[in-house]
Amino acid sequence: MIDRFTEAEYEGVLTAAKSDVQVQGWLDRFAASNQIDLNDSRTISGIDLLTSKNLLTQERATHILTDPVQNFERP
């Protein structure tokens, strides 16, 4: 999942997590997951949260959730 973010986007999320418990919670859930289902409502809610906090644009959120899964992303 992290590889779907640009370096700048990921750094923005990490920075925001230092002062925003909701963003930190999303990162914690992500880190605890063995697999990320891009169609799971929890994944979509997490991306929506980052978009609502202006950490992602709606266009980037759509790409993150809908771009084809690459071989290196598979378990």
PDB file of N, CA and C in Angstrom:
ATOM      1  N   MET A   1       0.821  -1.191   0.000  1.00  0.00           N
ATOM      2  CA  MET A   1       0.000   0.000   0.000  1.00  0.00           C
ATOM      3  C   MET A   1       0.866   1.257   0.000  1.00  0.00           C
ATOM      4  N   ILE A   2       1.909   1.276   0.770  1.00  0.00           N
ATOM      5  CA  ILE A   2       2.769   2.454   0.839  1.00  0.00           C
ATOM      6  C   ILE A   2       3.322   2.811  -0.537  1.00  0.00           C
ATOM      7  N   ASP A   3       3.626   1.806  -1.338  1.00  0.00           N
ATOM      8  CA  ASP A   3       4.181   2.059  -2.667  1.00  0.00           C
ATOM      9  C   ASP A   3       3.187   2.758  -3.591  1.00  0.00           C
ATOM     10  N   ARG A   4       1.933   2.780  -3.220  1.00  0.00           N
ATOM     11  CA  ARG A   4       0.931   3.482  -4.019  1.00  0.00           C
ATOM     12  C   ARG A   4       0.958   4.985  -3.759  1.00  0.00           C
ATOM     13  N   PHE A   5       1.617   5.401  -2.705  1.00  0.00           N
ATOM     14  CA  PHE A   5       1.744   6.817  -2.370  1.00  0.00           C
ATOM     15  C   PHE A   5       3.038   7.368  -2.966  1.00  0.00           C
ATOM     16  N   THR A   6       3.006   8.638  -3.366  1.00  0.00           N
ATOM     17  CA  THR A   6       4.267   9.275  -3.725  1.00  0.00           C
ATOM     18  C   THR A   6       5.055   9.498  -2.444  1.00  0.00           C
ATOM     19  N   GLU A   7       6.325   9.756  -2.588  1.00  0.00           N
ATOM     20  CA  GLU A   7       7.155  10.032  -1.407  1.00  0.00           C
ATOM     21  C   GLU A   7       6.609  11.238  -0.649  1.00  0.00           C
ATOM     22  N   ALA A   8       6.231  12.283  -1.371  1.00  0.00           N
ATOM     23  CA  ALA A   8       5.700  13.496  -0.731  1.00  0.00           C
ATOM     24  C   ALA A   8       4.384  13.211  -0.002  1.00  0.00           C
ATOM     25  N   GLU A   9       3.533  12.398  -0.607  1.00  0.00           N
ATOM     26  CA  GLU A   9       2.267  12.051   0.048  1.00  0.00           C
ATOM     27  C   GLU A   9       2.517  11.282   1.336  1.00  0.00           C
ATOM     28  N   TYR A  10       3.399  10.307   1.264  1.00  0.00           N
ATOM     29  CA  TYR A  10       3.687   9.493   2.452  1.00  0.00           C
ATOM     30  C   TYR A  10       4.317  10.338   3.560  1.00  0.00           C
ATOM     31  N   GLU A  11       5.235  11.209   3.193  1.00  0.00           N
ATOM     32  CA  GLU A  11       5.842  12.098   4.186  1.00  0.00           C
ATOM     33  C   GLU A  11       4.788  13.008   4.810  1.00  0.00           C
ATOM     34  N   GLY A  12       3.839  13.482   4.007  1.00  0.00           N
ATOM     35  CA  GLY A  12       2.753  14.305   4.538  1.00  0.00           C
ATOM     36  C   GLY A  12       1.898  13.548   5.534  1.00  0.00           C
ATOM     37  N   VAL A  13       1.616  12.283   5.233  1.00  0.00           N
ATOM     38  CA  VAL A  13       0.829  11.449   6.138  1.00  0.00           C
ATOM     39  C   VAL A  13       1.610  11.220   7.447  1.00  0.00           C
ATOM     40  N   LEU A  14       2.882  10.913   7.332  1.00  0.00           N
ATOM     41  CA  LEU A  14       3.694  10.705   8.539  1.00  0.00           C
ATOM     42  C   LEU A  14       3.755  11.953   9.398  1.00  0.00           C
ATOM     43  N   THR A  15       3.914  13.094   8.765  1.00  0.00           N
ATOM     44  CA  THR A  15       3.963  14.364   9.499  1.00  0.00           C
ATOM     45  C   THR A  15       2.625  14.629  10.185  1.00  0.00           C
ATOM     46  N   ALA A  16       1.533  14.436   9.461  1.00  0.00           N
ATOM     47  CA  ALA A  16       0.202  14.664  10.029  1.00  0.00           C
ATOM     48  C   ALA A  16      -0.075  13.725  11.197  1.00  0.00           C
ATOM     49  N   ALA A  17       0.412  12.493  11.115  1.00  0.00           N
ATOM     50  CA  ALA A  17       0.161  11.499  12.161  1.00  0.00           C
ATOM     51  C   ALA A  17       0.749  11.919  13.506  1.00  0.00           C
ATOM     52  N   LYS A  18       1.753  12.774  13.475  1.00  0.00           N
ATOM     53  CA  LYS A  18       2.380  13.219  14.728  1.00  0.00           C
ATOM     54  C   LYS A  18       1.442  14.083  15.566  1.00  0.00           C
ATOM     55  N   SER A  19       0.460  14.701  14.924  1.00  0.00           N
ATOM     56  CA  SER A  19      -0.438  15.588  15.672  1.00  0.00           C
ATOM     57  C   SER A  19      -1.922  15.266  15.453  1.00  0.00           C
ATOM     58  N   ASP A  20      -2.218  14.240  14.682  1.00  0.00           N
ATOM     59  CA  ASP A  20      -3.613  13.906  14.372  1.00  0.00           C
ATOM     60  C   ASP A  20      -3.846  12.429  14.674  1.00  0.00           C
ATOM     61  N   VAL A  21      -4.606  12.165  15.712  1.00  0.00           N
ATOM     62  CA  VAL A  21      -4.828  10.793  16.158  1.00  0.00           C
ATOM     63  C   VAL A  21      -5.586   9.970  15.110  1.00  0.00           C
ATOM     64  N   GLN A  22      -6.441  10.591  14.314  1.00  0.00           N
ATOM     65  CA  GLN A  22      -7.149   9.847  13.273  1.00  0.00           C
ATOM     66  C   GLN A  22      -6.184   9.346  12.204  1.00  0.00           C
ATOM     67  N   VAL A  23      -5.267  10.181  11.795  1.00  0.00           N
ATOM     68  CA  VAL A  23      -4.277   9.768  10.798  1.00  0.00           C
ATOM     69  C   VAL A  23      -3.374   8.689  11.391  1.00  0.00           C
ATOM     70  N   GLN A  24      -2.951   8.865  12.637  1.00  0.00           N
ATOM     71  CA  GLN A  24      -2.125   7.850  13.289  1.00  0.00           C
ATOM     72  C   GLN A  24      -2.864   6.527  13.390  1.00  0.00           C
ATOM     73  N   GLY A  25      -4.148   6.593  13.683  1.00  0.00           N
ATOM     74  CA  GLY A  25      -4.951   5.375  13.764  1.00  0.00           C
ATOM     75  C   GLY A  25      -4.995   4.638  12.439  1.00  0.00           C
ATOM     76  N   TRP A  26      -5.130   5.387  11.350  1.00  0.00           N
ATOM     77  CA  TRP A  26      -5.127   4.762  10.026  1.00  0.00           C
ATOM     78  C   TRP A  26      -3.790   4.089   9.770  1.00  0.00           C
ATOM     79  N   LEU A  27      -2.693   4.778  10.085  1.00  0.00           N
ATOM     80  CA  LEU A  27      -1.364   4.177   9.893  1.00  0.00           C
ATOM     81  C   LEU A  27      -1.195   2.922  10.737  1.00  0.00           C
ATOM     82  N   ASP A  28      -1.681   2.956  11.967  1.00  0.00           N
ATOM     83  CA  ASP A  28      -1.584   1.780  12.845  1.00  0.00           C
ATOM     84  C   ASP A  28      -2.354   0.599  12.272  1.00  0.00           C
ATOM     85  N   ARG A  29      -3.561   0.846  11.775  1.00  0.00           N
ATOM     86  CA  ARG A  29      -4.363  -0.235  11.185  1.00  0.00           C
ATOM     87  C   ARG A  29      -3.666  -0.799   9.962  1.00  0.00           C
ATOM     88  N   PHE A  30      -3.127   0.085   9.147  1.00  0.00           N
ATOM     89  CA  PHE A  30      -2.417  -0.352   7.960  1.00  0.00           C
ATOM     90  C   PHE A  30      -1.229  -1.235   8.347  1.00  0.00           C
ATOM     91  N   ALA A  31      -0.447  -0.791   9.312  1.00  0.00           N
ATOM     92  CA  ALA A  31       0.747  -1.528   9.729  1.00  0.00           C
ATOM     93  C   ALA A  31       0.389  -2.899  10.318  1.00  0.00           C
ATOM     94  N   ALA A  32      -0.778  -3.012  10.929  1.00  0.00           N
ATOM     95  CA  ALA A  32      -1.183  -4.264  11.561  1.00  0.00           C
ATOM     96  C   ALA A  32      -1.782  -5.262  10.561  1.00  0.00           C
ATOM     97  N   SER A  33      -2.042  -4.813   9.345  1.00  0.00           N
ATOM     98  CA  SER A  33      -2.688  -5.671   8.347  1.00  0.00           C
ATOM     99  C   SER A  33      -1.672  -6.486   7.569  1.00  0.00           C
ATOM    100  N   ASN A  34      -2.000  -7.753   7.366  1.00  0.00           N
ATOM    101  CA  ASN A  34      -1.167  -8.614   6.538  1.00  0.00           C
ATOM    102  C   ASN A  34      -1.438  -8.374   5.060  1.00  0.00           C
ATOM    103  N   GLN A  35      -2.679  -8.041   4.747  1.00  0.00           N
ATOM    104  CA  GLN A  35      -3.100  -7.781   3.373  1.00  0.00           C
ATOM    105  C   GLN A  35      -4.015  -6.576   3.375  1.00  0.00           C
ATOM    106  N   ILE A  36      -3.977  -5.813   2.290  1.00  0.00           N
ATOM    107  CA  ILE A  36      -4.861  -4.667   2.138  1.00  0.00           C
ATOM    108  C   ILE A  36      -5.774  -4.953   0.948  1.00  0.00           C
ATOM    109  N   ASP A  37      -7.063  -4.956   1.196  1.00  0.00           N
ATOM    110  CA  ASP A  37      -8.063  -5.132   0.140  1.00  0.00           C
ATOM    111  C   ASP A  37      -8.508  -3.738  -0.291  1.00  0.00           C
ATOM    112  N   LEU A  38      -8.204  -3.360  -1.519  1.00  0.00           N
ATOM    113  CA  LEU A  38      -8.517  -2.017  -2.001  1.00  0.00           C
ATOM    114  C   LEU A  38     -10.015  -1.773  -2.115  1.00  0.00           C
ATOM    115  N   ASN A  39     -10.814  -2.828  -2.077  1.00  0.00           N
ATOM    116  CA  ASN A  39     -12.269  -2.693  -2.149  1.00  0.00           C
ATOM    117  C   ASN A  39     -12.936  -2.745  -0.780  1.00  0.00           C
ATOM    118  N   ASP A  40     -12.169  -2.993   0.252  1.00  0.00           N
ATOM    119  CA  ASP A  40     -12.709  -3.078   1.611  1.00  0.00           C
ATOM    120  C   ASP A  40     -13.141  -1.689   2.069  1.00  0.00           C
ATOM    121  N   SER A  41     -14.286  -1.605   2.698  1.00  0.00           N
ATOM    122  CA  SER A  41     -14.808  -0.317   3.149  1.00  0.00           C
ATOM    123  C   SER A  41     -13.869   0.369   4.139  1.00  0.00           C
ATOM    124  N   ARG A  42     -13.113  -0.410   4.914  1.00  0.00           N
ATOM    125  CA  ARG A  42     -12.165   0.192   5.863  1.00  0.00           C
ATOM    126  C   ARG A  42     -10.999   0.843   5.140  1.00  0.00           C
ATOM    127  N   THR A  43     -10.536   0.228   4.065  1.00  0.00           N
ATOM    128  CA  THR A  43      -9.465   0.808   3.259  1.00  0.00           C
ATOM    129  C   THR A  43      -9.956   2.097   2.605  1.00  0.00           C
ATOM    130  N   ILE A  44     -11.133   2.032   2.021  1.00  0.00           N
ATOM    131  CA  ILE A  44     -11.710   3.201   1.363  1.00  0.00           C
ATOM    132  C   ILE A  44     -11.918   4.323   2.370  1.00  0.00           C
ATOM    133  N   SER A  45     -12.398   3.993   3.561  1.00  0.00           N
ATOM    134  CA  SER A  45     -12.590   5.009   4.599  1.00  0.00           C
ATOM    135  C   SER A  45     -11.271   5.650   5.001  1.00  0.00           C
ATOM    136  N   GLY A  46     -10.213   4.862   5.073  1.00  0.00           N
ATOM    137  CA  GLY A  46      -8.895   5.394   5.416  1.00  0.00           C
ATOM    138  C   GLY A  46      -8.392   6.358   4.360  1.00  0.00           C
ATOM    139  N   ILE A  47      -8.558   5.999   3.098  1.00  0.00           N
ATOM    140  CA  ILE A  47      -8.147   6.883   2.010  1.00  0.00           C
ATOM    141  C   ILE A  47      -9.026   8.137   2.002  1.00  0.00           C
ATOM    142  N   ASP A  48     -10.326   7.969   2.239  1.00  0.00           N
ATOM    143  CA  ASP A  48     -11.227   9.123   2.328  1.00  0.00           C
ATOM    144  C   ASP A  48     -10.818  10.058   3.465  1.00  0.00           C
ATOM    145  N   LEU A  49     -10.389   9.489   4.574  1.00  0.00           N
ATOM    146  CA  LEU A  49      -9.927  10.310   5.700  1.00  0.00           C
ATOM    147  C   LEU A  49      -8.726  11.154   5.279  1.00  0.00           C
ATOM    148  N   LEU A  50      -7.772  10.528   4.612  1.00  0.00           N
ATOM    149  CA  LEU A  50      -6.582  11.262   4.181  1.00  0.00           C
ATOM    150  C   LEU A  50      -6.944  12.349   3.181  1.00  0.00           C
ATOM    151  N   THR A  51      -7.936  12.080   2.356  1.00  0.00           N
ATOM    152  CA  THR A  51      -8.399  13.084   1.393  1.00  0.00           C
ATOM    153  C   THR A  51      -9.081  14.238   2.129  1.00  0.00           C
ATOM    154  N   SER A  52      -9.898  13.921   3.109  1.00  0.00           N
ATOM    155  CA  SER A  52     -10.603  14.968   3.860  1.00  0.00           C
ATOM    156  C   SER A  52      -9.642  15.862   4.642  1.00  0.00           C
ATOM    157  N   LYS A  53      -8.472  15.342   4.951  1.00  0.00           N
ATOM    158  CA  LYS A  53      -7.458  16.112   5.683  1.00  0.00           C
ATOM    159  C   LYS A  53      -6.479  16.785   4.727  1.00  0.00           C
ATOM    160  N   ASN A  54      -6.810  16.758   3.425  1.00  0.00           N
ATOM    161  CA  ASN A  54      -5.988  17.379   2.376  1.00  0.00           C
ATOM    162  C   ASN A  54      -4.586  16.782   2.275  1.00  0.00           C
ATOM    163  N   LEU A  55      -4.472  15.517   2.631  1.00  0.00           N
ATOM    164  CA  LEU A  55      -3.200  14.815   2.487  1.00  0.00           C
ATOM    165  C   LEU A  55      -3.115  14.114   1.132  1.00  0.00           C
ATOM    166  N   LEU A  56      -4.269  13.917   0.502  1.00  0.00           N
ATOM    167  CA  LEU A  56      -4.373  13.366  -0.847  1.00  0.00           C
ATOM    168  C   LEU A  56      -5.418  14.173  -1.596  1.00  0.00           C
ATOM    169  N   THR A  57      -5.235  14.321  -2.895  1.00  0.00           N
ATOM    170  CA  THR A  57      -6.302  14.884  -3.719  1.00  0.00           C
ATOM    171  C   THR A  57      -7.283  13.767  -4.030  1.00  0.00           C
ATOM    172  N   GLN A  58      -8.471  14.137  -4.451  1.00  0.00           N
ATOM    173  CA  GLN A  58      -9.458  13.118  -4.818  1.00  0.00           C
ATOM    174  C   GLN A  58      -8.949  12.293  -5.993  1.00  0.00           C
ATOM    175  N   GLU A  59      -8.262  12.945  -6.923  1.00  0.00           N
ATOM    176  CA  GLU A  59      -7.707  12.225  -8.074  1.00  0.00           C
ATOM    177  C   GLU A  59      -6.693  11.174  -7.633  1.00  0.00           C
ATOM    178  N   ARG A  60      -5.809  11.539  -6.727  1.00  0.00           N
ATOM    179  CA  ARG A  60      -4.804  10.582  -6.245  1.00  0.00           C
ATOM    180  C   ARG A  60      -5.469   9.471  -5.447  1.00  0.00           C
ATOM    181  N   ALA A  61      -6.466   9.801  -4.648  1.00  0.00           N
ATOM    182  CA  ALA A  61      -7.177   8.782  -3.875  1.00  0.00           C
ATOM    183  C   ALA A  61      -7.797   7.755  -4.819  1.00  0.00           C
ATOM    184  N   THR A  62      -8.391   8.232  -5.894  1.00  0.00           N
ATOM    185  CA  THR A  62      -8.994   7.332  -6.876  1.00  0.00           C
ATOM    186  C   THR A  62      -7.936   6.425  -7.495  1.00  0.00           C
ATOM    187  N   HIS A  63      -6.787   6.999  -7.853  1.00  0.00           N
ATOM    188  CA  HIS A  63      -5.705   6.185  -8.420  1.00  0.00           C
ATOM    189  C   HIS A  63      -5.210   5.136  -7.416  1.00  0.00           C
ATOM    190  N   ILE A  64      -5.025   5.541  -6.189  1.00  0.00           N
ATOM    191  CA  ILE A  64      -4.531   4.616  -5.164  1.00  0.00           C
ATOM    192  C   ILE A  64      -5.475   3.423  -5.027  1.00  0.00           C
ATOM    193  N   LEU A  65      -6.764   3.686  -5.079  1.00  0.00           N
ATOM    194  CA  LEU A  65      -7.747   2.623  -4.878  1.00  0.00           C
ATOM    195  C   LEU A  65      -8.079   1.820  -6.133  1.00  0.00           C
ATOM    196  N   THR A  66      -7.810   2.370  -7.311  1.00  0.00           N
ATOM    197  CA  THR A  66      -8.280   1.695  -8.526  1.00  0.00           C
ATOM    198  C   THR A  66      -7.185   1.272  -9.500  1.00  0.00           C
ATOM    199  N   ASP A  67      -5.966   1.759  -9.335  1.00  0.00           N
ATOM    200  CA  ASP A  67      -4.907   1.306 -10.239  1.00  0.00           C
ATOM    201  C   ASP A  67      -4.749  -0.208 -10.103  1.00  0.00           C
ATOM    202  N   PRO A  68      -4.461  -0.886 -11.196  1.00  0.00           N
ATOM    203  CA  PRO A  68      -4.292  -2.347 -11.120  1.00  0.00           C
ATOM    204  C   PRO A  68      -3.208  -2.745 -10.110  1.00  0.00           C
ATOM    205  N   VAL A  69      -3.448  -3.840  -9.426  1.00  0.00           N
ATOM    206  CA  VAL A  69      -2.470  -4.362  -8.466  1.00  0.00           C
ATOM    207  C   VAL A  69      -1.294  -4.929  -9.244  1.00  0.00           C
ATOM    208  N   GLN A  70      -0.111  -4.507  -8.866  1.00  0.00           N
ATOM    209  CA  GLN A  70       1.117  -4.957  -9.519  1.00  0.00           C
ATOM    210  C   GLN A  70       1.622  -6.235  -8.847  1.00  0.00           C
ATOM    211  N   ASN A  71       2.414  -7.001  -9.546  1.00  0.00           N
ATOM    212  CA  ASN A  71       2.956  -8.250  -8.988  1.00  0.00           C
ATOM    213  C   ASN A  71       3.715  -8.018  -7.688  1.00  0.00           C
ATOM    214  N   PHE A  72       4.486  -6.940  -7.599  1.00  0.00           N
ATOM    215  CA  PHE A  72       5.265  -6.694  -6.382  1.00  0.00           C
ATOM    216  C   PHE A  72       4.368  -6.331  -5.189  1.00  0.00           C
ATOM    217  N   GLU A  73       3.097  -6.024  -5.434  1.00  0.00           N
ATOM    218  CA  GLU A  73       2.171  -5.690  -4.357  1.00  0.00           C
ATOM    219  C   GLU A  73       1.446  -6.924  -3.814  1.00  0.00           C
ATOM    220  N   ARG A  74       1.540  -8.008  -4.517  1.00  0.00           N
ATOM    221  CA  ARG A  74       0.831  -9.219  -4.099  1.00  0.00           C
ATOM    222  C   ARG A  74       1.589  -9.926  -2.971  1.00  0.00           C
ATOM    223  N   PRO A  75       0.818 -10.604  -2.106  1.00  0.00           N
ATOM    224  CA  PRO A  75       1.477 -11.329  -0.993  1.00  0.00           C
ATOM    225  C   PRO A  75       2.279 -12.509  -1.493  1.00  0.00           C
TER     226      PRO A  75
END
